[in-house]
Each structure stands twice: as C-alpha cells, then as structure tokens.
Amino acid sequence: MKPRILLALFIIPLGLIIAAVPQNTTKPYKLTAGEMLSEANTRTQFVTPETVADMIVNKDPLLRLIDVRSQEEFEKFSLSGAINIPLADILSDQYVDILNQDVKMNIFYSNGTLNANEAWMITRQLGYSNNYVLEGGINYWFDAILNPQKPASTSSDEEFAKYDFRRSAGQALGGGAVQAEQNKASTTAKPVITAGPKKKKASGGC
C-alpha cells in the first residue's frame, strides 16, 4: 500500500476523534512544575492555627476562610465565617473573583492538610496570590485551639504563653477544655468540651 494512502488512513480517523472532543476550557497554568516545587518547599503557604484564631477573635476584615471539603462535611461543622468551595469545584469560573484577588487573605482548610494544600497548589499554578493553607487542618485545630493540653511543668515560658493564648482563643471560639487542675490528684482525666454544641473531630485526614 502506498505511503500516502497509509498516511490518509491514519490522519482522517485522528481528525474525526479530535473534532469530537469538546473545546478545551482548562485554564492555562502560569507557573512551571519547577517553580511550584520551589514555592512548596518553602512552606510559606501554611498559616498556624494560632494566627487564624487570633484573626477570627479580632474579626480581622482581611481574613477569608475557605472550606474545601464537601458541602455535606461543611454543613456538619465549619470554622466561624467560612465559605465552602469544594476542591472538586476549585476551577469553576464562579469562584475566580474570590480566589484571584489581592485584598483578602484566603485560607484553605480541610480535615487535614492534603486537600487544602492541593487547592493552594492549583490556584498558585494559575498565578493567583493571597491564598494560604491552615496548618494541620480542622483535626489539628481541635487539638491546638479548642482543646489545648497544658505543657509539662518543665516547659519553657514560650510554651506556657502559647498554651495561655490557645486556651483563651478556644474559649472565645466556643471551645475550651475543662482542666481538672484544682483539688484533683489525678492528671489523667480527659478534658471535656463544655461550651457550645458538641463538636466531633472531623473524620479522615485530607
């Protein structure tokens, strides 16, 4: 069979397949893989729970919390004032104005860190700025802010100062563990959340 005929038999079906594929509406990435790796290694995208708690308590107008979990998980529990943009919808055009701006400090969060960090990586590759990640996610938030553990007596003043801040912030945000410190010999009693509705640590680590 002549080469021209063979070429035609290959090109014509390929053209039909390409024509049948919907128009590519994927947003072009502006950062290379190498640039993304460099930024990710700096870990500057992570914001500590203490910083976020302080901004919430002080009602910082620049803070915008973005829950990237599913709507179902968001409705069960979310951080104060958060909005819901599921990770699966992060590229939707309806959220461009929220994610691509230079005024608000957007902080993504999920149960752990994985999904929120994925949201950050996607938006950062698109060239968006002012997007960050809550370090440790909701699971760490419960431990660090809503139910902080008192440091050992040998801990540094810095650790005690951090604990005092966490306890105060947790109480202001509806958490706060009951510390069995006075008139009790046992130090193994589990803390109990007494303020506000019962909150369960989010399941899963993403």
N, C-alpha and C. Protein backbone atom coordinates (compact mmCIF):
# COMPACT_ATOMS: atom_id res chain seq x y z
N MET A 1 0.85 -1.19 0.00
CA MET A 1 0.00 0.00 0.00
C MET A 1 0.89 1.25 0.00
N LYS A 2 0.51 2.26 -0.80
CA LYS A 2 1.32 3.45 -0.94
C LYS A 2 1.37 4.24 0.37
N PRO A 3 2.52 4.90 0.63
CA PRO A 3 2.67 5.68 1.87
C PRO A 3 1.58 6.74 2.04
N ARG A 4 1.17 7.39 0.92
CA ARG A 4 0.15 8.43 1.02
C ARG A 4 -1.19 7.89 1.52
N ILE A 5 -1.51 6.68 1.05
CA ILE A 5 -2.76 6.06 1.47
C ILE A 5 -2.71 5.69 2.94
N LEU A 6 -1.55 5.15 3.36
CA LEU A 6 -1.37 4.82 4.78
C LEU A 6 -1.51 6.05 5.65
N LEU A 7 -0.91 7.16 5.21
CA LEU A 7 -0.97 8.40 5.96
C LEU A 7 -2.41 8.90 6.05
N ALA A 8 -3.13 8.78 4.97
CA ALA A 8 -4.52 9.22 4.95
C ALA A 8 -5.38 8.38 5.90
N LEU A 9 -5.13 7.09 5.91
CA LEU A 9 -5.89 6.21 6.79
C LEU A 9 -5.63 6.53 8.27
N PHE A 10 -4.48 7.10 8.58
CA PHE A 10 -4.15 7.46 9.96
C PHE A 10 -4.70 8.84 10.32
N ILE A 11 -4.53 9.80 9.40
CA ILE A 11 -4.89 11.18 9.69
C ILE A 11 -6.40 11.40 9.75
N ILE A 12 -7.14 10.80 8.84
CA ILE A 12 -8.59 11.03 8.78
C ILE A 12 -9.29 10.58 10.07
N PRO A 13 -9.07 9.33 10.57
CA PRO A 13 -9.70 8.94 11.84
C PRO A 13 -9.26 9.82 13.01
N LEU A 14 -7.98 10.21 13.02
CA LEU A 14 -7.47 11.06 14.10
C LEU A 14 -8.19 12.41 14.09
N GLY A 15 -8.41 12.93 12.89
CA GLY A 15 -9.12 14.21 12.78
C GLY A 15 -10.55 14.12 13.29
N LEU A 16 -11.21 12.99 13.00
CA LEU A 16 -12.57 12.80 13.47
C LEU A 16 -12.63 12.73 15.00
N ILE A 17 -11.63 12.06 15.60
CA ILE A 17 -11.57 11.96 17.06
C ILE A 17 -11.37 13.33 17.70
N ILE A 18 -10.43 14.11 17.14
CA ILE A 18 -10.16 15.45 17.67
C ILE A 18 -11.40 16.33 17.56
N ALA A 19 -12.10 16.22 16.43
CA ALA A 19 -13.30 17.04 16.22
C ALA A 19 -14.40 16.72 17.22
N ALA A 20 -14.42 15.47 17.68
CA ALA A 20 -15.46 15.05 18.61
C ALA A 20 -15.17 15.46 20.05
N VAL A 21 -13.91 15.82 20.34
CA VAL A 21 -13.54 16.21 21.70
C VAL A 21 -14.03 17.62 21.98
N PRO A 22 -14.71 17.87 23.13
CA PRO A 22 -15.19 19.21 23.46
C PRO A 22 -14.04 20.20 23.53
N GLN A 23 -14.36 21.46 23.28
CA GLN A 23 -13.34 22.51 23.32
C GLN A 23 -12.67 22.54 24.68
N ASN A 24 -11.36 22.66 24.70
CA ASN A 24 -10.59 22.69 25.94
C ASN A 24 -10.78 24.02 26.64
N THR A 25 -11.39 23.99 27.80
CA THR A 25 -11.63 25.22 28.56
C THR A 25 -10.75 25.28 29.81
N THR A 26 -9.78 24.38 29.89
CA THR A 26 -8.89 24.36 31.04
C THR A 26 -8.06 25.63 31.11
N LYS A 27 -7.97 26.21 32.29
CA LYS A 27 -7.20 27.44 32.46
C LYS A 27 -5.70 27.12 32.36
N PRO A 28 -4.95 27.91 31.62
CA PRO A 28 -3.51 27.64 31.48
C PRO A 28 -2.76 27.93 32.78
N TYR A 29 -1.84 27.06 33.10
CA TYR A 29 -1.01 27.28 34.29
C TYR A 29 0.09 28.29 33.96
N LYS A 30 0.40 29.13 34.94
CA LYS A 30 1.39 30.18 34.74
C LYS A 30 2.72 29.88 35.41
N LEU A 31 2.74 28.92 36.32
CA LEU A 31 3.98 28.52 36.98
C LEU A 31 4.40 27.14 36.49
N THR A 32 5.67 26.96 36.29
CA THR A 32 6.17 25.66 35.86
C THR A 32 6.20 24.71 37.06
N ALA A 33 6.40 23.43 36.76
CA ALA A 33 6.49 22.44 37.84
C ALA A 33 7.66 22.76 38.76
N GLY A 34 8.77 23.20 38.17
CA GLY A 34 9.94 23.54 38.97
C GLY A 34 9.68 24.72 39.89
N GLU A 35 8.98 25.73 39.39
CA GLU A 35 8.64 26.90 40.21
C GLU A 35 7.70 26.52 41.34
N MET A 36 6.75 25.63 41.04
CA MET A 36 5.81 25.19 42.07
C MET A 36 6.53 24.41 43.16
N LEU A 37 7.46 23.54 42.74
CA LEU A 37 8.22 22.75 43.71
C LEU A 37 9.03 23.66 44.61
N SER A 38 9.61 24.68 44.03
CA SER A 38 10.41 25.63 44.80
C SER A 38 9.56 26.36 45.84
N GLU A 39 8.38 26.80 45.43
CA GLU A 39 7.49 27.51 46.36
C GLU A 39 6.97 26.57 47.45
N ALA A 40 6.60 25.34 47.04
CA ALA A 40 6.06 24.38 48.01
C ALA A 40 7.11 24.04 49.07
N ASN A 41 8.36 23.98 48.68
CA ASN A 41 9.42 23.62 49.62
C ASN A 41 9.66 24.69 50.68
N THR A 42 9.28 25.92 50.39
CA THR A 42 9.45 27.00 51.37
C THR A 42 8.41 26.90 52.49
N ARG A 43 7.28 26.24 52.19
CA ARG A 43 6.17 26.07 53.14
C ARG A 43 5.60 27.40 53.62
N THR A 44 5.78 28.44 52.86
CA THR A 44 5.25 29.75 53.26
C THR A 44 3.74 29.83 53.05
N GLN A 45 3.16 28.81 52.42
CA GLN A 45 1.71 28.82 52.23
C GLN A 45 0.95 28.46 53.51
N PHE A 46 1.65 27.90 54.50
CA PHE A 46 0.97 27.45 55.71
C PHE A 46 0.84 28.58 56.74
N VAL A 47 -0.36 28.65 57.33
CA VAL A 47 -0.65 29.62 58.39
C VAL A 47 -1.01 28.84 59.64
N THR A 48 -0.43 29.20 60.77
CA THR A 48 -0.66 28.45 62.00
C THR A 48 -2.08 28.64 62.53
N PRO A 49 -2.58 27.65 63.27
CA PRO A 49 -3.90 27.79 63.90
C PRO A 49 -3.96 29.01 64.83
N GLU A 50 -2.86 29.31 65.50
CA GLU A 50 -2.84 30.45 66.41
C GLU A 50 -3.09 31.76 65.66
N THR A 51 -2.47 31.90 64.49
CA THR A 51 -2.65 33.11 63.69
C THR A 51 -4.09 33.24 63.23
N VAL A 52 -4.65 32.13 62.75
CA VAL A 52 -6.04 32.14 62.28
C VAL A 52 -6.99 32.43 63.43
N ALA A 53 -6.77 31.80 64.58
CA ALA A 53 -7.63 32.03 65.74
C ALA A 53 -7.60 33.49 66.15
N ASP A 54 -6.42 34.09 66.15
CA ASP A 54 -6.28 35.50 66.51
C ASP A 54 -7.05 36.39 65.55
N MET A 55 -6.99 36.06 64.26
CA MET A 55 -7.70 36.86 63.26
C MET A 55 -9.22 36.71 63.40
N ILE A 56 -9.67 35.50 63.75
CA ILE A 56 -11.11 35.28 63.93
C ILE A 56 -11.61 36.04 65.16
N VAL A 57 -10.89 35.89 66.27
CA VAL A 57 -11.29 36.55 67.52
C VAL A 57 -11.34 38.06 67.35
N ASN A 58 -10.36 38.60 66.62
CA ASN A 58 -10.29 40.06 66.42
C ASN A 58 -11.10 40.53 65.21
N LYS A 59 -11.82 39.60 64.59
CA LYS A 59 -12.68 39.91 63.45
C LYS A 59 -11.94 40.68 62.37
N ASP A 60 -10.77 40.17 62.03
CA ASP A 60 -9.94 40.79 61.01
C ASP A 60 -10.68 40.79 59.67
N PRO A 61 -10.94 41.95 59.10
CA PRO A 61 -11.71 42.02 57.84
C PRO A 61 -10.96 41.44 56.64
N LEU A 62 -9.66 41.24 56.77
CA LEU A 62 -8.89 40.71 55.65
C LEU A 62 -8.96 39.19 55.56
N LEU A 63 -9.42 38.54 56.62
CA LEU A 63 -9.46 37.08 56.65
C LEU A 63 -10.65 36.53 55.90
N ARG A 64 -10.39 35.52 55.06
CA ARG A 64 -11.49 34.77 54.44
C ARG A 64 -11.13 33.29 54.49
N LEU A 65 -11.88 32.53 55.27
CA LEU A 65 -11.66 31.10 55.41
C LEU A 65 -12.44 30.36 54.32
N ILE A 66 -11.76 29.44 53.66
CA ILE A 66 -12.40 28.68 52.57
C ILE A 66 -12.29 27.19 52.87
N ASP A 67 -13.43 26.59 53.13
CA ASP A 67 -13.52 25.16 53.42
C ASP A 67 -13.59 24.41 52.10
N VAL A 68 -12.59 23.57 51.82
CA VAL A 68 -12.55 22.87 50.54
C VAL A 68 -13.10 21.45 50.64
N ARG A 69 -13.74 21.12 51.77
CA ARG A 69 -14.37 19.81 51.89
C ARG A 69 -15.71 19.81 51.16
N SER A 70 -16.40 18.69 51.19
CA SER A 70 -17.70 18.61 50.52
C SER A 70 -18.72 19.47 51.26
N GLN A 71 -19.81 19.79 50.58
CA GLN A 71 -20.86 20.59 51.20
C GLN A 71 -21.43 19.89 52.43
N GLU A 72 -21.55 18.56 52.35
CA GLU A 72 -22.08 17.78 53.47
C GLU A 72 -21.20 17.93 54.71
N GLU A 73 -19.88 17.82 54.53
CA GLU A 73 -18.96 17.97 55.65
C GLU A 73 -18.98 19.40 56.18
N PHE A 74 -19.07 20.36 55.27
CA PHE A 74 -19.10 21.77 55.64
C PHE A 74 -20.31 22.08 56.52
N GLU A 75 -21.46 21.50 56.18
CA GLU A 75 -22.69 21.77 56.92
C GLU A 75 -22.67 21.13 58.31
N LYS A 76 -21.91 20.07 58.47
CA LYS A 76 -21.80 19.42 59.78
C LYS A 76 -20.98 20.27 60.75
N PHE A 77 -19.89 20.81 60.26
CA PHE A 77 -19.05 21.68 61.10
C PHE A 77 -18.14 22.51 60.20
N SER A 78 -18.01 23.78 60.53
CA SER A 78 -17.08 24.64 59.80
C SER A 78 -16.55 25.71 60.74
N LEU A 79 -15.45 26.31 60.37
CA LEU A 79 -14.90 27.38 61.18
C LEU A 79 -15.74 28.64 61.01
N SER A 80 -15.70 29.47 62.02
CA SER A 80 -16.54 30.67 62.05
C SER A 80 -16.31 31.56 60.83
N GLY A 81 -17.41 31.85 60.11
CA GLY A 81 -17.35 32.76 58.97
C GLY A 81 -16.85 32.16 57.68
N ALA A 82 -16.57 30.85 57.67
CA ALA A 82 -16.01 30.22 56.47
C ALA A 82 -17.04 30.10 55.35
N ILE A 83 -16.54 30.07 54.11
CA ILE A 83 -17.37 29.75 52.96
C ILE A 83 -16.92 28.40 52.41
N ASN A 84 -17.78 27.78 51.61
CA ASN A 84 -17.49 26.45 51.11
C ASN A 84 -17.21 26.47 49.61
N ILE A 85 -16.00 26.07 49.22
CA ILE A 85 -15.66 25.85 47.82
C ILE A 85 -15.03 24.46 47.74
N PRO A 86 -15.82 23.42 47.46
CA PRO A 86 -15.27 22.06 47.40
C PRO A 86 -14.09 21.98 46.43
N LEU A 87 -13.12 21.17 46.79
CA LEU A 87 -11.92 21.02 45.97
C LEU A 87 -12.28 20.66 44.52
N ALA A 88 -13.31 19.83 44.35
CA ALA A 88 -13.70 19.41 43.00
C ALA A 88 -14.18 20.59 42.15
N ASP A 89 -14.57 21.70 42.79
CA ASP A 89 -15.09 22.86 42.06
C ASP A 89 -14.12 24.03 42.05
N ILE A 90 -12.88 23.79 42.46
CA ILE A 90 -11.94 24.89 42.65
C ILE A 90 -11.63 25.63 41.35
N LEU A 91 -11.80 24.96 40.19
CA LEU A 91 -11.53 25.59 38.90
C LEU A 91 -12.77 26.21 38.26
N SER A 92 -13.89 26.17 38.98
CA SER A 92 -15.12 26.73 38.44
C SER A 92 -15.00 28.24 38.25
N ASP A 93 -15.52 28.75 37.14
CA ASP A 93 -15.44 30.18 36.85
C ASP A 93 -16.15 31.03 37.90
N GLN A 94 -17.13 30.45 38.58
CA GLN A 94 -17.88 31.24 39.55
C GLN A 94 -17.05 31.65 40.76
N TYR A 95 -15.89 31.01 40.95
CA TYR A 95 -15.06 31.32 42.12
C TYR A 95 -13.80 32.12 41.77
N VAL A 96 -13.65 32.49 40.51
CA VAL A 96 -12.44 33.19 40.10
C VAL A 96 -12.23 34.49 40.87
N ASP A 97 -13.28 35.28 41.00
CA ASP A 97 -13.16 36.57 41.68
C ASP A 97 -12.80 36.42 43.15
N ILE A 98 -13.18 35.30 43.75
CA ILE A 98 -12.86 35.04 45.15
C ILE A 98 -11.41 34.60 45.30
N LEU A 99 -10.97 33.75 44.39
CA LEU A 99 -9.64 33.15 44.50
C LEU A 99 -8.53 33.98 43.88
N ASN A 100 -8.87 34.77 42.88
CA ASN A 100 -7.86 35.57 42.17
C ASN A 100 -8.06 37.04 42.51
N GLN A 101 -7.50 37.46 43.64
CA GLN A 101 -7.64 38.84 44.10
C GLN A 101 -6.46 39.18 44.99
N ASP A 102 -6.31 40.45 45.32
CA ASP A 102 -5.16 40.87 46.11
C ASP A 102 -5.55 41.67 47.34
N VAL A 103 -6.76 41.42 47.85
CA VAL A 103 -7.24 42.16 49.02
C VAL A 103 -7.37 41.23 50.23
N LYS A 104 -8.17 40.19 50.08
CA LYS A 104 -8.42 39.26 51.18
C LYS A 104 -7.28 38.25 51.33
N MET A 105 -7.11 37.75 52.55
CA MET A 105 -6.19 36.66 52.82
C MET A 105 -7.00 35.37 52.87
N ASN A 106 -7.04 34.66 51.74
CA ASN A 106 -7.80 33.41 51.67
C ASN A 106 -7.01 32.30 52.35
N ILE A 107 -7.68 31.58 53.24
CA ILE A 107 -7.02 30.45 53.90
C ILE A 107 -7.85 29.19 53.67
N PHE A 108 -7.30 28.27 52.88
CA PHE A 108 -7.96 27.00 52.61
C PHE A 108 -7.81 26.08 53.83
N TYR A 109 -8.85 25.30 54.09
CA TYR A 109 -8.71 24.26 55.11
C TYR A 109 -9.56 23.05 54.76
N SER A 110 -9.13 21.90 55.28
CA SER A 110 -9.87 20.65 55.14
C SER A 110 -9.68 19.88 56.44
N ASN A 111 -10.01 18.59 56.46
CA ASN A 111 -9.85 17.83 57.71
C ASN A 111 -8.39 17.79 58.14
N GLY A 112 -7.53 17.48 57.19
CA GLY A 112 -6.10 17.52 57.45
C GLY A 112 -5.49 18.65 56.63
N THR A 113 -4.38 18.35 55.97
CA THR A 113 -3.71 19.39 55.19
C THR A 113 -3.73 19.08 53.70
N LEU A 114 -3.85 17.81 53.32
CA LEU A 114 -3.66 17.37 51.94
C LEU A 114 -4.55 18.11 50.94
N ASN A 115 -5.87 18.05 51.13
CA ASN A 115 -6.78 18.64 50.16
C ASN A 115 -6.65 20.16 50.09
N ALA A 116 -6.46 20.79 51.24
CA ALA A 116 -6.29 22.24 51.25
C ALA A 116 -5.01 22.63 50.52
N ASN A 117 -3.97 21.85 50.69
CA ASN A 117 -2.71 22.14 50.01
C ASN A 117 -2.84 21.93 48.51
N GLU A 118 -3.66 20.96 48.11
CA GLU A 118 -3.92 20.75 46.68
C GLU A 118 -4.62 21.97 46.10
N ALA A 119 -5.59 22.52 46.84
CA ALA A 119 -6.29 23.72 46.39
C ALA A 119 -5.31 24.88 46.23
N TRP A 120 -4.38 25.00 47.18
CA TRP A 120 -3.37 26.05 47.09
C TRP A 120 -2.49 25.85 45.86
N MET A 121 -2.04 24.61 45.63
CA MET A 121 -1.16 24.34 44.50
C MET A 121 -1.83 24.67 43.17
N ILE A 122 -3.10 24.30 43.05
CA ILE A 122 -3.84 24.56 41.80
C ILE A 122 -3.97 26.06 41.57
N THR A 123 -4.41 26.79 42.59
CA THR A 123 -4.60 28.23 42.42
C THR A 123 -3.27 28.96 42.24
N ARG A 124 -2.23 28.45 42.89
CA ARG A 124 -0.92 29.09 42.75
C ARG A 124 -0.36 28.88 41.35
N GLN A 125 -0.58 27.69 40.78
CA GLN A 125 -0.12 27.43 39.43
C GLN A 125 -0.83 28.31 38.41
N LEU A 126 -2.06 28.72 38.76
CA LEU A 126 -2.80 29.61 37.88
C LEU A 126 -2.31 31.05 38.01
N GLY A 127 -1.41 31.27 38.97
CA GLY A 127 -0.88 32.61 39.16
C GLY A 127 -1.61 33.42 40.20
N TYR A 128 -2.60 32.79 40.88
CA TYR A 128 -3.35 33.51 41.91
C TYR A 128 -2.46 33.71 43.14
N SER A 129 -2.67 34.82 43.82
CA SER A 129 -1.93 35.10 45.04
C SER A 129 -2.89 35.27 46.21
N ASN A 130 -2.33 35.46 47.40
CA ASN A 130 -3.13 35.67 48.62
C ASN A 130 -3.96 34.45 49.01
N ASN A 131 -3.52 33.27 48.62
CA ASN A 131 -4.16 32.03 49.05
C ASN A 131 -3.18 31.24 49.91
N TYR A 132 -3.69 30.72 51.04
CA TYR A 132 -2.83 30.04 52.01
C TYR A 132 -3.52 28.77 52.50
N VAL A 133 -2.87 28.07 53.42
CA VAL A 133 -3.39 26.80 53.93
C VAL A 133 -3.33 26.80 55.45
N LEU A 134 -4.42 26.39 56.10
CA LEU A 134 -4.43 26.24 57.55
C LEU A 134 -3.58 25.03 57.93
N GLU A 135 -2.52 25.26 58.64
CA GLU A 135 -1.60 24.19 59.01
C GLU A 135 -2.30 23.14 59.89
N GLY A 136 -2.26 21.89 59.45
CA GLY A 136 -2.85 20.80 60.22
C GLY A 136 -4.34 20.58 59.99
N GLY A 137 -5.04 21.55 59.42
CA GLY A 137 -6.47 21.41 59.15
C GLY A 137 -7.31 21.41 60.40
N ILE A 138 -8.58 20.99 60.24
CA ILE A 138 -9.53 21.00 61.36
C ILE A 138 -9.11 20.05 62.47
N ASN A 139 -8.57 18.90 62.11
CA ASN A 139 -8.19 17.94 63.14
C ASN A 139 -7.17 18.54 64.11
N TYR A 140 -6.18 19.24 63.57
CA TYR A 140 -5.19 19.88 64.44
C TYR A 140 -5.79 21.08 65.15
N TRP A 141 -6.75 21.73 64.51
CA TRP A 141 -7.44 22.88 65.12
C TRP A 141 -8.12 22.47 66.42
N PHE A 142 -8.76 21.31 66.41
CA PHE A 142 -9.41 20.83 67.63
C PHE A 142 -8.40 20.65 68.76
N ASP A 143 -7.27 20.05 68.42
CA ASP A 143 -6.25 19.78 69.44
C ASP A 143 -5.54 21.04 69.90
N ALA A 144 -5.22 21.92 68.97
CA ALA A 144 -4.41 23.09 69.30
C ALA A 144 -5.21 24.23 69.89
N ILE A 145 -6.42 24.47 69.38
CA ILE A 145 -7.19 25.65 69.79
C ILE A 145 -8.37 25.31 70.69
N LEU A 146 -9.19 24.36 70.30
CA LEU A 146 -10.39 24.07 71.08
C LEU A 146 -10.12 23.21 72.31
N ASN A 147 -9.03 22.48 72.29
CA ASN A 147 -8.75 21.60 73.42
C ASN A 147 -7.24 21.51 73.67
N PRO A 148 -6.61 22.62 73.98
CA PRO A 148 -5.15 22.60 74.16
C PRO A 148 -4.74 21.87 75.43
N GLN A 149 -3.61 21.20 75.37
CA GLN A 149 -3.10 20.48 76.52
C GLN A 149 -2.07 21.33 77.27
N LYS A 150 -2.19 21.35 78.58
CA LYS A 150 -1.26 22.15 79.37
C LYS A 150 0.15 21.57 79.26
N PRO A 151 1.16 22.43 79.05
CA PRO A 151 2.54 21.94 78.94
C PRO A 151 3.03 21.34 80.25
N ALA A 152 4.06 20.54 80.15
CA ALA A 152 4.68 19.97 81.35
C ALA A 152 5.30 21.10 82.17
N SER A 153 5.46 20.86 83.44
CA SER A 153 5.99 21.89 84.35
C SER A 153 7.40 22.33 83.97
N THR A 154 8.10 21.49 83.24
CA THR A 154 9.46 21.82 82.83
C THR A 154 9.52 22.57 81.50
N SER A 155 8.36 22.85 80.92
CA SER A 155 8.32 23.53 79.62
C SER A 155 8.77 24.98 79.74
N SER A 156 9.12 25.55 78.61
CA SER A 156 9.61 26.93 78.58
C SER A 156 8.47 27.92 78.76
N ASP A 157 8.84 29.16 79.09
CA ASP A 157 7.84 30.22 79.22
C ASP A 157 7.10 30.43 77.91
N GLU A 158 7.80 30.23 76.81
CA GLU A 158 7.18 30.39 75.50
C GLU A 158 6.05 29.37 75.31
N GLU A 159 6.27 28.14 75.73
CA GLU A 159 5.24 27.11 75.61
C GLU A 159 4.04 27.43 76.48
N PHE A 160 4.28 27.95 77.68
CA PHE A 160 3.17 28.33 78.56
C PHE A 160 2.40 29.52 77.99
N ALA A 161 3.12 30.45 77.38
CA ALA A 161 2.46 31.60 76.77
C ALA A 161 1.59 31.16 75.60
N LYS A 162 2.09 30.21 74.81
CA LYS A 162 1.32 29.68 73.70
C LYS A 162 0.08 28.96 74.19
N TYR A 163 0.24 28.20 75.28
CA TYR A 163 -0.90 27.49 75.86
C TYR A 163 -1.96 28.47 76.36
N ASP A 164 -1.55 29.52 77.05
CA ASP A 164 -2.49 30.51 77.56
C ASP A 164 -3.26 31.17 76.42
N PHE A 165 -2.55 31.46 75.34
CA PHE A 165 -3.22 32.07 74.19
C PHE A 165 -4.22 31.10 73.58
N ARG A 166 -3.79 29.85 73.39
CA ARG A 166 -4.68 28.85 72.80
C ARG A 166 -5.93 28.66 73.64
N ARG A 167 -5.77 28.59 74.96
CA ARG A 167 -6.91 28.38 75.84
C ARG A 167 -7.88 29.57 75.76
N SER A 168 -7.34 30.79 75.76
CA SER A 168 -8.18 31.98 75.67
C SER A 168 -8.91 32.04 74.33
N ALA A 169 -8.17 31.76 73.25
CA ALA A 169 -8.78 31.79 71.93
C ALA A 169 -9.84 30.71 71.80
N GLY A 170 -9.54 29.52 72.33
CA GLY A 170 -10.51 28.42 72.26
C GLY A 170 -11.80 28.74 72.99
N GLN A 171 -11.68 29.36 74.15
CA GLN A 171 -12.87 29.74 74.91
C GLN A 171 -13.67 30.80 74.16
N ALA A 172 -12.99 31.74 73.52
CA ALA A 172 -13.66 32.79 72.76
C ALA A 172 -14.37 32.23 71.54
N LEU A 173 -13.87 31.10 71.05
CA LEU A 173 -14.43 30.50 69.84
C LEU A 173 -15.40 29.36 70.15
N GLY A 174 -15.80 29.25 71.40
CA GLY A 174 -16.81 28.25 71.76
C GLY A 174 -16.25 26.93 72.18
N GLY A 175 -14.94 26.83 72.34
CA GLY A 175 -14.35 25.57 72.79
C GLY A 175 -13.88 25.74 74.22
N GLY A 176 -12.71 25.30 74.47
CA GLY A 176 -12.15 25.43 75.82
C GLY A 176 -12.37 24.16 76.60
N ALA A 177 -11.32 23.52 76.95
CA ALA A 177 -11.44 22.29 77.72
C ALA A 177 -11.54 22.60 79.19
N VAL A 178 -12.25 21.78 79.89
CA VAL A 178 -12.32 21.90 81.34
C VAL A 178 -11.08 21.24 81.90
N GLN A 179 -10.22 22.01 82.50
CA GLN A 179 -8.98 21.48 83.04
C GLN A 179 -9.18 21.04 84.49
N ALA A 180 -8.90 19.77 84.73
CA ALA A 180 -9.05 19.24 86.09
C ALA A 180 -7.75 19.47 86.85
N GLU A 181 -7.52 20.72 87.16
CA GLU A 181 -6.26 21.10 87.76
C GLU A 181 -6.35 21.31 89.28
N GLN A 182 -7.51 21.75 89.72
CA GLN A 182 -7.63 22.11 91.13
C GLN A 182 -8.39 21.04 91.90
N ASN A 183 -7.83 20.74 93.07
CA ASN A 183 -8.48 19.81 94.01
C ASN A 183 -8.65 18.41 93.44
N LYS A 184 -7.78 18.03 92.50
CA LYS A 184 -7.85 16.68 91.95
C LYS A 184 -6.44 16.14 91.86
N ALA A 185 -6.25 14.97 92.36
CA ALA A 185 -4.91 14.39 92.37
C ALA A 185 -4.57 13.80 91.01
N SER A 186 -5.57 13.29 90.29
CA SER A 186 -5.31 12.63 89.02
C SER A 186 -5.07 13.64 87.92
N THR A 187 -4.09 13.32 87.09
CA THR A 187 -3.82 14.19 85.94
C THR A 187 -4.15 13.49 84.63
N THR A 188 -4.87 12.37 84.73
CA THR A 188 -5.18 11.60 83.52
C THR A 188 -6.61 11.79 83.06
N ALA A 189 -7.37 12.61 83.76
CA ALA A 189 -8.76 12.81 83.36
C ALA A 189 -8.82 13.45 81.99
N LYS A 190 -9.72 12.96 81.15
CA LYS A 190 -9.86 13.51 79.80
C LYS A 190 -10.60 14.83 79.86
N PRO A 191 -10.14 15.85 79.11
CA PRO A 191 -10.82 17.14 79.10
C PRO A 191 -12.19 17.01 78.44
N VAL A 192 -13.12 17.85 78.87
CA VAL A 192 -14.48 17.82 78.34
C VAL A 192 -14.82 19.17 77.77
N ILE A 193 -15.33 19.21 76.56
CA ILE A 193 -15.76 20.46 75.96
C ILE A 193 -17.14 20.79 76.51
N THR A 194 -17.25 21.95 77.14
CA THR A 194 -18.50 22.29 77.81
C THR A 194 -19.24 23.44 77.15
N ALA A 195 -18.55 24.28 76.41
CA ALA A 195 -19.22 25.45 75.84
C ALA A 195 -19.70 25.15 74.43
N GLY A 196 -20.93 25.60 74.13
CA GLY A 196 -21.45 25.46 72.78
C GLY A 196 -21.89 24.04 72.50
N PRO A 197 -22.38 23.81 71.25
CA PRO A 197 -22.83 22.47 70.86
C PRO A 197 -21.66 21.51 70.80
N LYS A 198 -21.98 20.22 70.91
CA LYS A 198 -20.93 19.20 70.86
C LYS A 198 -20.29 19.19 69.48
N LYS A 199 -18.98 19.12 69.47
CA LYS A 199 -18.25 19.10 68.20
C LYS A 199 -17.41 17.85 68.15
N LYS A 200 -17.46 17.16 67.04
CA LYS A 200 -16.67 15.95 66.86
C LYS A 200 -15.53 16.24 65.89
N LYS A 201 -14.38 15.67 66.21
CA LYS A 201 -13.25 15.84 65.31
C LYS A 201 -13.61 15.24 63.95
N ALA A 202 -13.27 15.99 62.91
CA ALA A 202 -13.61 15.53 61.57
C ALA A 202 -12.91 14.23 61.26
N SER A 203 -13.64 13.33 60.62
CA SER A 203 -13.04 12.05 60.25
C SER A 203 -12.24 12.21 58.97
N GLY A 204 -11.22 11.41 58.84
CA GLY A 204 -10.37 11.48 57.65
C GLY A 204 -9.22 12.42 57.85
N GLY A 205 -8.22 12.27 57.02
CA GLY A 205 -7.03 13.08 57.18
C GLY A 205 -6.72 13.97 56.00
N CYS A 206 -7.69 14.24 55.16
CA CYS A 206 -7.42 15.06 53.96
C CYS A 206 -7.90 16.47 54.14
